[in-house]
Amino acid sequence: MHWFVLISTVVAALAIALGVIFPAIAMGRAITQALEALARQPEAEKPITRTLFIGLAMIESLAIYVLVIVLIILFRNPLLEYLLK
C-alpha cells in the first residue's frame, strides 16, 4: 500500500507542476497579445482590457481546478480507502 501512496504523491506533484506551468504560459501570451493590441489601437483600451481580465480569470481557474484535484488525490483519495479494506 505504501507504493500507492508514493506513486499518488509523485503524480500529484507532477500534476500541480504542469497545472501551474501551462496556465502561466497562457497568461503570459494573453498579456503579450493584449499589450500588442493596445499598442496598435489605444482607443480600444476598454474592450481589450475587459476581455483580457475575463480571459485571465478563466485561465487562472484552470490552475485552481488542478489544485483542487491534487488536494483530493493527496488527502481524500477514494482508491486509498478501497485498498485499506
PDB file of N, CA and C in Angstrom:
ATOM      1  N   MET A   1       0.820  -1.191   0.000  1.00  0.00           N
ATOM      2  CA  MET A   1       0.000   0.000   0.000  1.00  0.00           C
ATOM      3  C   MET A   1       0.863   1.254   0.000  1.00  0.00           C
ATOM      4  N   HIS A   2       2.037   1.203   0.605  1.00  0.00           N
ATOM      5  CA  HIS A   2       2.868   2.397   0.652  1.00  0.00           C
ATOM      6  C   HIS A   2       3.333   2.818  -0.741  1.00  0.00           C
ATOM      7  N   TRP A   3       3.407   1.857  -1.669  1.00  0.00           N
ATOM      8  CA  TRP A   3       3.762   2.201  -3.049  1.00  0.00           C
ATOM      9  C   TRP A   3       2.669   3.044  -3.686  1.00  0.00           C
ATOM     10  N   PHE A   4       1.437   2.732  -3.370  1.00  0.00           N
ATOM     11  CA  PHE A   4       0.321   3.504  -3.923  1.00  0.00           C
ATOM     12  C   PHE A   4       0.363   4.943  -3.427  1.00  0.00           C
ATOM     13  N   VAL A   5       0.664   5.121  -2.161  1.00  0.00           N
ATOM     14  CA  VAL A   5       0.753   6.474  -1.596  1.00  0.00           C
ATOM     15  C   VAL A   5       1.908   7.231  -2.241  1.00  0.00           C
ATOM     16  N   LEU A   6       3.039   6.564  -2.409  1.00  0.00           N
ATOM     17  CA  LEU A   6       4.198   7.204  -3.025  1.00  0.00           C
ATOM     18  C   LEU A   6       3.911   7.599  -4.471  1.00  0.00           C
ATOM     19  N   ILE A   7       3.321   6.691  -5.212  1.00  0.00           N
ATOM     20  CA  ILE A   7       3.016   6.979  -6.620  1.00  0.00           C
ATOM     21  C   ILE A   7       1.986   8.097  -6.737  1.00  0.00           C
ATOM     22  N   SER A   8       0.960   8.081  -5.898  1.00  0.00           N
ATOM     23  CA  SER A   8      -0.050   9.136  -5.975  1.00  0.00           C
ATOM     24  C   SER A   8       0.542  10.486  -5.574  1.00  0.00           C
ATOM     25  N   THR A   9       1.509  10.501  -4.662  1.00  0.00           N
ATOM     26  CA  THR A   9       2.157  11.750  -4.293  1.00  0.00           C
ATOM     27  C   THR A   9       3.001  12.288  -5.441  1.00  0.00           C
ATOM     28  N   VAL A  10       3.731  11.414  -6.115  1.00  0.00           N
ATOM     29  CA  VAL A  10       4.540  11.837  -7.257  1.00  0.00           C
ATOM     30  C   VAL A  10       3.648  12.337  -8.393  1.00  0.00           C
ATOM     31  N   VAL A  11       2.570  11.633  -8.658  1.00  0.00           N
ATOM     32  CA  VAL A  11       1.645  12.062  -9.706  1.00  0.00           C
ATOM     33  C   VAL A  11       0.999  13.399  -9.343  1.00  0.00           C
ATOM     34  N   ALA A  12       0.674  13.579  -8.085  1.00  0.00           N
ATOM     35  CA  ALA A  12       0.089  14.853  -7.651  1.00  0.00           C
ATOM     36  C   ALA A  12       1.084  15.991  -7.837  1.00  0.00           C
ATOM     37  N   ALA A  13       2.351  15.743  -7.524  1.00  0.00           N
ATOM     38  CA  ALA A  13       3.372  16.778  -7.698  1.00  0.00           C
ATOM     39  C   ALA A  13       3.555  17.123  -9.180  1.00  0.00           C
ATOM     40  N   LEU A  14       3.575  16.119 -10.027  1.00  0.00           N
ATOM     41  CA  LEU A  14       3.683  16.384 -11.468  1.00  0.00           C
ATOM     42  C   LEU A  14       2.451  17.123 -11.988  1.00  0.00           C
ATOM     43  N   ALA A  15       1.298  16.745 -11.503  1.00  0.00           N
ATOM     44  CA  ALA A  15       0.064  17.389 -11.960  1.00  0.00           C
ATOM     45  C   ALA A  15       0.034  18.856 -11.563  1.00  0.00           C
ATOM     46  N   ILE A  16       0.438  19.163 -10.339  1.00  0.00           N
ATOM     47  CA  ILE A  16       0.417  20.565  -9.917  1.00  0.00           C
ATOM     48  C   ILE A  16       1.487  21.352 -10.658  1.00  0.00           C
ATOM     49  N   ALA A  17       2.622  20.720 -10.956  1.00  0.00           N
ATOM     50  CA  ALA A  17       3.668  21.420 -11.717  1.00  0.00           C
ATOM     51  C   ALA A  17       3.176  21.753 -13.123  1.00  0.00           C
ATOM     52  N   LEU A  18       2.610  20.769 -13.808  1.00  0.00           N
ATOM     53  CA  LEU A  18       2.088  21.021 -15.150  1.00  0.00           C
ATOM     54  C   LEU A  18       0.857  21.916 -15.127  1.00  0.00           C
ATOM     55  N   GLY A  19       0.064  21.758 -14.091  1.00  0.00           N
ATOM     56  CA  GLY A  19      -1.151  22.549 -13.970  1.00  0.00           C
ATOM     57  C   GLY A  19      -0.894  23.999 -13.643  1.00  0.00           C
ATOM     58  N   VAL A  20       0.317  24.325 -13.237  1.00  0.00           N
ATOM     59  CA  VAL A  20       0.669  25.717 -12.985  1.00  0.00           C
ATOM     60  C   VAL A  20       1.496  26.276 -14.147  1.00  0.00           C
ATOM     61  N   ILE A  21       2.331  25.447 -14.738  1.00  0.00           N
ATOM     62  CA  ILE A  21       3.197  25.915 -15.821  1.00  0.00           C
ATOM     63  C   ILE A  21       2.379  26.324 -17.050  1.00  0.00           C
ATOM     64  N   PHE A  22       1.480  25.473 -17.484  1.00  0.00           N
ATOM     65  CA  PHE A  22       0.747  25.770 -18.717  1.00  0.00           C
ATOM     66  C   PHE A  22      -0.185  26.983 -18.587  1.00  0.00           C
ATOM     67  N   PRO A  23      -0.940  27.132 -17.496  1.00  0.00           N
ATOM     68  CA  PRO A  23      -1.710  28.378 -17.364  1.00  0.00           C
ATOM     69  C   PRO A  23      -0.814  29.621 -17.259  1.00  0.00           C
ATOM     70  N   ALA A  24       0.360  29.491 -16.657  1.00  0.00           N
ATOM     71  CA  ALA A  24       1.265  30.640 -16.581  1.00  0.00           C
ATOM     72  C   ALA A  24       1.750  31.043 -17.966  1.00  0.00           C
ATOM     73  N   ILE A  25       2.064  30.067 -18.794  1.00  0.00           N
ATOM     74  CA  ILE A  25       2.466  30.358 -20.175  1.00  0.00           C
ATOM     75  C   ILE A  25       1.312  31.008 -20.933  1.00  0.00           C
ATOM     76  N   ALA A  26       0.111  30.479 -20.738  1.00  0.00           N
ATOM     77  CA  ALA A  26      -1.060  31.049 -21.417  1.00  0.00           C
ATOM     78  C   ALA A  26      -1.325  32.472 -20.955  1.00  0.00           C
ATOM     79  N   MET A  27      -1.149  32.741 -19.669  1.00  0.00           N
ATOM     80  CA  MET A  27      -1.337  34.105 -19.162  1.00  0.00           C
ATOM     81  C   MET A  27      -0.313  35.063 -19.770  1.00  0.00           C
ATOM     82  N   GLY A  28       0.921  34.623 -19.840  1.00  0.00           N
ATOM     83  CA  GLY A  28       1.951  35.459 -20.438  1.00  0.00           C
ATOM     84  C   GLY A  28       1.656  35.783 -21.893  1.00  0.00           C
ATOM     85  N   ARG A  29       1.213  34.785 -22.628  1.00  0.00           N
ATOM     86  CA  ARG A  29       0.882  35.016 -24.034  1.00  0.00           C
ATOM     87  C   ARG A  29      -0.330  35.940 -24.176  1.00  0.00           C
ATOM     88  N   ALA A  30      -1.319  35.772 -23.298  1.00  0.00           N
ATOM     89  CA  ALA A  30      -2.510  36.630 -23.361  1.00  0.00           C
ATOM     90  C   ALA A  30      -2.154  38.078 -23.059  1.00  0.00           C
ATOM     91  N   ILE A  31      -1.321  38.284 -22.067  1.00  0.00           N
ATOM     92  CA  ILE A  31      -0.919  39.653 -21.719  1.00  0.00           C
ATOM     93  C   ILE A  31      -0.094  40.267 -22.843  1.00  0.00           C
ATOM     94  N   THR A  32       0.790  39.465 -23.430  1.00  0.00           N
ATOM     95  CA  THR A  32       1.598  39.962 -24.550  1.00  0.00           C
ATOM     96  C   THR A  32       0.717  40.389 -25.713  1.00  0.00           C
ATOM     97  N   GLN A  33      -0.244  39.557 -26.058  1.00  0.00           N
ATOM     98  CA  GLN A  33      -1.136  39.880 -27.178  1.00  0.00           C
ATOM     99  C   GLN A  33      -1.989  41.110 -26.865  1.00  0.00           C
ATOM    100  N   ALA A  34      -2.425  41.233 -25.612  1.00  0.00           N
ATOM    101  CA  ALA A  34      -3.230  42.396 -25.239  1.00  0.00           C
ATOM    102  C   ALA A  34      -2.408  43.679 -25.317  1.00  0.00           C
ATOM    103  N   LEU A  35      -1.159  43.613 -24.876  1.00  0.00           N
ATOM    104  CA  LEU A  35      -0.313  44.802 -24.969  1.00  0.00           C
ATOM    105  C   LEU A  35      -0.019  45.177 -26.417  1.00  0.00           C
ATOM    106  N   GLU A  36       0.173  44.179 -27.272  1.00  0.00           N
ATOM    107  CA  GLU A  36       0.371  44.469 -28.693  1.00  0.00           C
ATOM    108  C   GLU A  36      -0.889  45.102 -29.299  1.00  0.00           C
ATOM    109  N   ALA A  37      -2.045  44.590 -28.908  1.00  0.00           N
ATOM    110  CA  ALA A  37      -3.300  45.154 -29.420  1.00  0.00           C
ATOM    111  C   ALA A  37      -3.496  46.581 -28.915  1.00  0.00           C
ATOM    112  N   LEU A  38      -3.126  46.841 -27.675  1.00  0.00           N
ATOM    113  CA  LEU A  38      -3.237  48.196 -27.136  1.00  0.00           C
ATOM    114  C   LEU A  38      -2.266  49.145 -27.817  1.00  0.00           C
ATOM    115  N   ALA A  39      -1.093  48.640 -28.182  1.00  0.00           N
ATOM    116  CA  ALA A  39      -0.126  49.492 -28.878  1.00  0.00           C
ATOM    117  C   ALA A  39      -0.632  49.847 -30.279  1.00  0.00           C
ATOM    118  N   ARG A  40      -1.351  48.924 -30.911  1.00  0.00           N
ATOM    119  CA  ARG A  40      -1.876  49.190 -32.253  1.00  0.00           C
ATOM    120  C   ARG A  40      -3.115  50.077 -32.233  1.00  0.00           C
ATOM    121  N   GLN A  41      -3.991  49.816 -31.251  1.00  0.00           N
ATOM    122  CA  GLN A  41      -5.257  50.555 -31.173  1.00  0.00           C
ATOM    123  C   GLN A  41      -5.492  51.048 -29.748  1.00  0.00           C
ATOM    124  N   PRO A  42      -4.875  52.144 -29.370  1.00  0.00           N
ATOM    125  CA  PRO A  42      -5.053  52.637 -27.991  1.00  0.00           C
ATOM    126  C   PRO A  42      -6.495  53.052 -27.675  1.00  0.00           C
ATOM    127  N   GLU A  43      -7.265  53.390 -28.715  1.00  0.00           N
ATOM    128  CA  GLU A  43      -8.653  53.805 -28.464  1.00  0.00           C
ATOM    129  C   GLU A  43      -9.543  52.635 -28.059  1.00  0.00           C
ATOM    130  N   ALA A  44      -9.082  51.412 -28.266  1.00  0.00           N
ATOM    131  CA  ALA A  44      -9.866  50.219 -27.904  1.00  0.00           C
ATOM    132  C   ALA A  44      -9.414  49.656 -26.558  1.00  0.00           C
ATOM    133  N   GLU A  45      -8.963  50.533 -25.685  1.00  0.00           N
ATOM    134  CA  GLU A  45      -8.412  50.074 -24.400  1.00  0.00           C
ATOM    135  C   GLU A  45      -9.444  49.353 -23.538  1.00  0.00           C
ATOM    136  N   LYS A  46     -10.627  49.907 -23.401  1.00  0.00           N
ATOM    137  CA  LYS A  46     -11.630  49.315 -22.501  1.00  0.00           C
ATOM    138  C   LYS A  46     -12.062  47.912 -22.934  1.00  0.00           C
ATOM    139  N   PRO A  47     -12.436  47.700 -24.210  1.00  0.00           N
ATOM    140  CA  PRO A  47     -12.836  46.329 -24.589  1.00  0.00           C
ATOM    141  C   PRO A  47     -11.683  45.324 -24.501  1.00  0.00           C
ATOM    142  N   ILE A  48     -10.484  45.769 -24.863  1.00  0.00           N
ATOM    143  CA  ILE A  48      -9.329  44.862 -24.791  1.00  0.00           C
ATOM    144  C   ILE A  48      -9.038  44.488 -23.347  1.00  0.00           C
ATOM    145  N   THR A  49      -9.049  45.482 -22.469  1.00  0.00           N
ATOM    146  CA  THR A  49      -8.762  45.225 -21.056  1.00  0.00           C
ATOM    147  C   THR A  49      -9.828  44.333 -20.427  1.00  0.00           C
ATOM    148  N   ARG A  50     -11.081  44.590 -20.744  1.00  0.00           N
ATOM    149  CA  ARG A  50     -12.175  43.773 -20.199  1.00  0.00           C
ATOM    150  C   ARG A  50     -12.041  42.321 -20.652  1.00  0.00           C
ATOM    151  N   THR A  51     -11.788  42.138 -21.935  1.00  0.00           N
ATOM    152  CA  THR A  51     -11.628  40.790 -22.468  1.00  0.00           C
ATOM    153  C   THR A  51     -10.402  40.104 -21.882  1.00  0.00           C
ATOM    154  N   LEU A  52      -9.324  40.876 -21.699  1.00  0.00           N
ATOM    155  CA  LEU A  52      -8.112  40.320 -21.103  1.00  0.00           C
ATOM    156  C   LEU A  52      -8.378  39.808 -19.694  1.00  0.00           C
ATOM    157  N   PHE A  53      -9.051  40.599 -18.874  1.00  0.00           N
ATOM    158  CA  PHE A  53      -9.293  40.171 -17.492  1.00  0.00           C
ATOM    159  C   PHE A  53     -10.231  38.964 -17.414  1.00  0.00           C
ATOM    160  N   ILE A  54     -11.203  38.899 -18.290  1.00  0.00           N
ATOM    161  CA  ILE A  54     -12.074  37.719 -18.312  1.00  0.00           C
ATOM    162  C   ILE A  54     -11.281  36.486 -18.712  1.00  0.00           C
ATOM    163  N   GLY A  55     -10.437  36.634 -19.724  1.00  0.00           N
ATOM    164  CA  GLY A  55      -9.601  35.513 -20.152  1.00  0.00           C
ATOM    165  C   GLY A  55      -8.617  35.081 -19.082  1.00  0.00           C
ATOM    166  N   LEU A  56      -7.996  36.043 -18.396  1.00  0.00           N
ATOM    167  CA  LEU A  56      -7.058  35.699 -17.325  1.00  0.00           C
ATOM    168  C   LEU A  56      -7.765  34.982 -16.177  1.00  0.00           C
ATOM    169  N   ALA A  57      -8.982  35.396 -15.869  1.00  0.00           N
ATOM    170  CA  ALA A  57      -9.735  34.717 -14.809  1.00  0.00           C
ATOM    171  C   ALA A  57     -10.047  33.270 -15.195  1.00  0.00           C
ATOM    172  N   MET A  58     -10.373  33.052 -16.450  1.00  0.00           N
ATOM    173  CA  MET A  58     -10.670  31.681 -16.886  1.00  0.00           C
ATOM    174  C   MET A  58      -9.407  30.828 -16.891  1.00  0.00           C
ATOM    175  N   ILE A  59      -8.290  31.403 -17.299  1.00  0.00           N
ATOM    176  CA  ILE A  59      -7.029  30.659 -17.283  1.00  0.00           C
ATOM    177  C   ILE A  59      -6.640  30.329 -15.845  1.00  0.00           C
ATOM    178  N   GLU A  60      -6.799  31.287 -14.943  1.00  0.00           N
ATOM    179  CA  GLU A  60      -6.448  31.058 -13.538  1.00  0.00           C
ATOM    180  C   GLU A  60      -7.344  29.993 -12.917  1.00  0.00           C
ATOM    181  N   SER A  61      -8.594  29.918 -13.356  1.00  0.00           N
ATOM    182  CA  SER A  61      -9.490  28.897 -12.809  1.00  0.00           C
ATOM    183  C   SER A  61      -9.002  27.493 -13.152  1.00  0.00           C
ATOM    184  N   LEU A  62      -8.332  27.328 -14.284  1.00  0.00           N
ATOM    185  CA  LEU A  62      -7.771  26.019 -14.622  1.00  0.00           C
ATOM    186  C   LEU A  62      -6.727  25.594 -13.600  1.00  0.00           C
ATOM    187  N   ALA A  63      -5.875  26.510 -13.203  1.00  0.00           N
ATOM    188  CA  ALA A  63      -4.861  26.196 -12.195  1.00  0.00           C
ATOM    189  C   ALA A  63      -5.512  25.865 -10.853  1.00  0.00           C
ATOM    190  N   ILE A  64      -6.584  26.554 -10.520  1.00  0.00           N
ATOM    191  CA  ILE A  64      -7.277  26.278  -9.259  1.00  0.00           C
ATOM    192  C   ILE A  64      -7.946  24.907  -9.301  1.00  0.00           C
ATOM    193  N   TYR A  65      -8.526  24.535 -10.442  1.00  0.00           N
ATOM    194  CA  TYR A  65      -9.121  23.206 -10.574  1.00  0.00           C
ATOM    195  C   TYR A  65      -8.072  22.117 -10.410  1.00  0.00           C
ATOM    196  N   VAL A  66      -6.899  22.332 -10.980  1.00  0.00           N
ATOM    197  CA  VAL A  66      -5.810  21.355 -10.818  1.00  0.00           C
ATOM    198  C   VAL A  66      -5.435  21.239  -9.349  1.00  0.00           C
ATOM    199  N   LEU A  67      -5.336  22.365  -8.667  1.00  0.00           N
ATOM    200  CA  LEU A  67      -5.003  22.339  -7.240  1.00  0.00           C
ATOM    201  C   LEU A  67      -6.037  21.551  -6.440  1.00  0.00           C
ATOM    202  N   VAL A  68      -7.306  21.758  -6.728  1.00  0.00           N
ATOM    203  CA  VAL A  68      -8.366  21.042  -6.006  1.00  0.00           C
ATOM    204  C   VAL A  68      -8.261  19.536  -6.254  1.00  0.00           C
ATOM    205  N   ILE A  69      -8.041  19.146  -7.484  1.00  0.00           N
ATOM    206  CA  ILE A  69      -7.934  17.718  -7.794  1.00  0.00           C
ATOM    207  C   ILE A  69      -6.714  17.105  -7.135  1.00  0.00           C
ATOM    208  N   VAL A  70      -5.605  17.831  -7.126  1.00  0.00           N
ATOM    209  CA  VAL A  70      -4.397  17.326  -6.470  1.00  0.00           C
ATOM    210  C   VAL A  70      -4.622  17.179  -4.969  1.00  0.00           C
ATOM    211  N   LEU A  71      -5.296  18.121  -4.357  1.00  0.00           N
ATOM    212  CA  LEU A  71      -5.582  18.000  -2.925  1.00  0.00           C
ATOM    213  C   LEU A  71      -6.497  16.809  -2.641  1.00  0.00           C
ATOM    214  N   ILE A  72      -7.434  16.542  -3.536  1.00  0.00           N
ATOM    215  CA  ILE A  72      -8.293  15.366  -3.372  1.00  0.00           C
ATOM    216  C   ILE A  72      -7.459  14.095  -3.478  1.00  0.00           C
ATOM    217  N   ILE A  73      -6.548  14.067  -4.449  1.00  0.00           N
ATOM    218  CA  ILE A  73      -5.694  12.887  -4.607  1.00  0.00           C
ATOM    219  C   ILE A  73      -4.841  12.661  -3.369  1.00  0.00           C
ATOM    220  N   LEU A  74      -4.319  13.735  -2.809  1.00  0.00           N
ATOM    221  CA  LEU A  74      -3.412  13.591  -1.669  1.00  0.00           C
ATOM    222  C   LEU A  74      -4.131  13.279  -0.356  1.00  0.00           C
ATOM    223  N   PHE A  75      -5.256  13.938  -0.117  1.00  0.00           N
ATOM    224  CA  PHE A  75      -5.854  13.842   1.213  1.00  0.00           C
ATOM    225  C   PHE A  75      -7.163  13.069   1.287  1.00  0.00           C
ATOM    226  N   ARG A  76      -7.838  12.876   0.187  1.00  0.00           N
ATOM    227  CA  ARG A  76      -9.128  12.164   0.235  1.00  0.00           C
ATOM    228  C   ARG A  76      -9.245  11.238  -0.954  1.00  0.00           C
ATOM    229  N   ASN A  77      -8.231  10.430  -1.151  1.00  0.00           N
ATOM    230  CA  ASN A  77      -8.176   9.556  -2.307  1.00  0.00           C
ATOM    231  C   ASN A  77      -9.150   8.389  -2.139  1.00  0.00           C
ATOM    232  N   PRO A  78     -10.152   8.271  -3.008  1.00  0.00           N
ATOM    233  CA  PRO A  78     -11.106   7.174  -2.866  1.00  0.00           C
ATOM    234  C   PRO A  78     -10.471   5.808  -3.120  1.00  0.00           C
ATOM    235  N   LEU A  79      -9.432   5.748  -3.931  1.00  0.00           N
ATOM    236  CA  LEU A  79      -8.773   4.471  -4.185  1.00  0.00           C
ATOM    237  C   LEU A  79      -8.012   3.978  -2.960  1.00  0.00           C
ATOM    238  N   LEU A  80      -7.520   4.884  -2.149  1.00  0.00           N
ATOM    239  CA  LEU A  80      -6.808   4.503  -0.934  1.00  0.00           C
ATOM    240  C   LEU A  80      -7.751   3.811   0.051  1.00  0.00           C
ATOM    241  N   GLU A  81      -8.982   4.309   0.137  1.00  0.00           N
ATOM    242  CA  GLU A  81      -9.966   3.664   1.004  1.00  0.00           C
ATOM    243  C   GLU A  81     -10.288   2.255   0.497  1.00  0.00           C
ATOM    244  N   TYR A  82     -10.319   2.074  -0.802  1.00  0.00           N
ATOM    245  CA  TYR A  82     -10.585   0.772  -1.401  1.00  0.00           C
ATOM    246  C   TYR A  82      -9.452  -0.195  -1.048  1.00  0.00           C
ATOM    247  N   LEU A  83      -8.202   0.265  -1.073  1.00  0.00           N
ATOM    248  CA  LEU A  83      -7.080  -0.590  -0.772  1.00  0.00           C
ATOM    249  C   LEU A  83      -6.995  -0.972   0.699  1.00  0.00           C
ATOM    250  N   LEU A  84      -7.525  -0.131   1.572  1.00  0.00           N
ATOM    251  CA  LEU A  84      -7.470  -0.425   3.010  1.00  0.00           C
ATOM    252  C   LEU A  84      -8.458  -1.506   3.432  1.00  0.00           C
ATOM    253  N   LYS A  85      -9.493  -1.752   2.637  1.00  0.00           N
ATOM    254  CA  LYS A  85     -10.500  -2.749   3.013  1.00  0.00           C
ATOM    255  C   LYS A  85     -10.025  -4.147   2.774  1.00  0.00           C
TER     256      LYS A  85
END
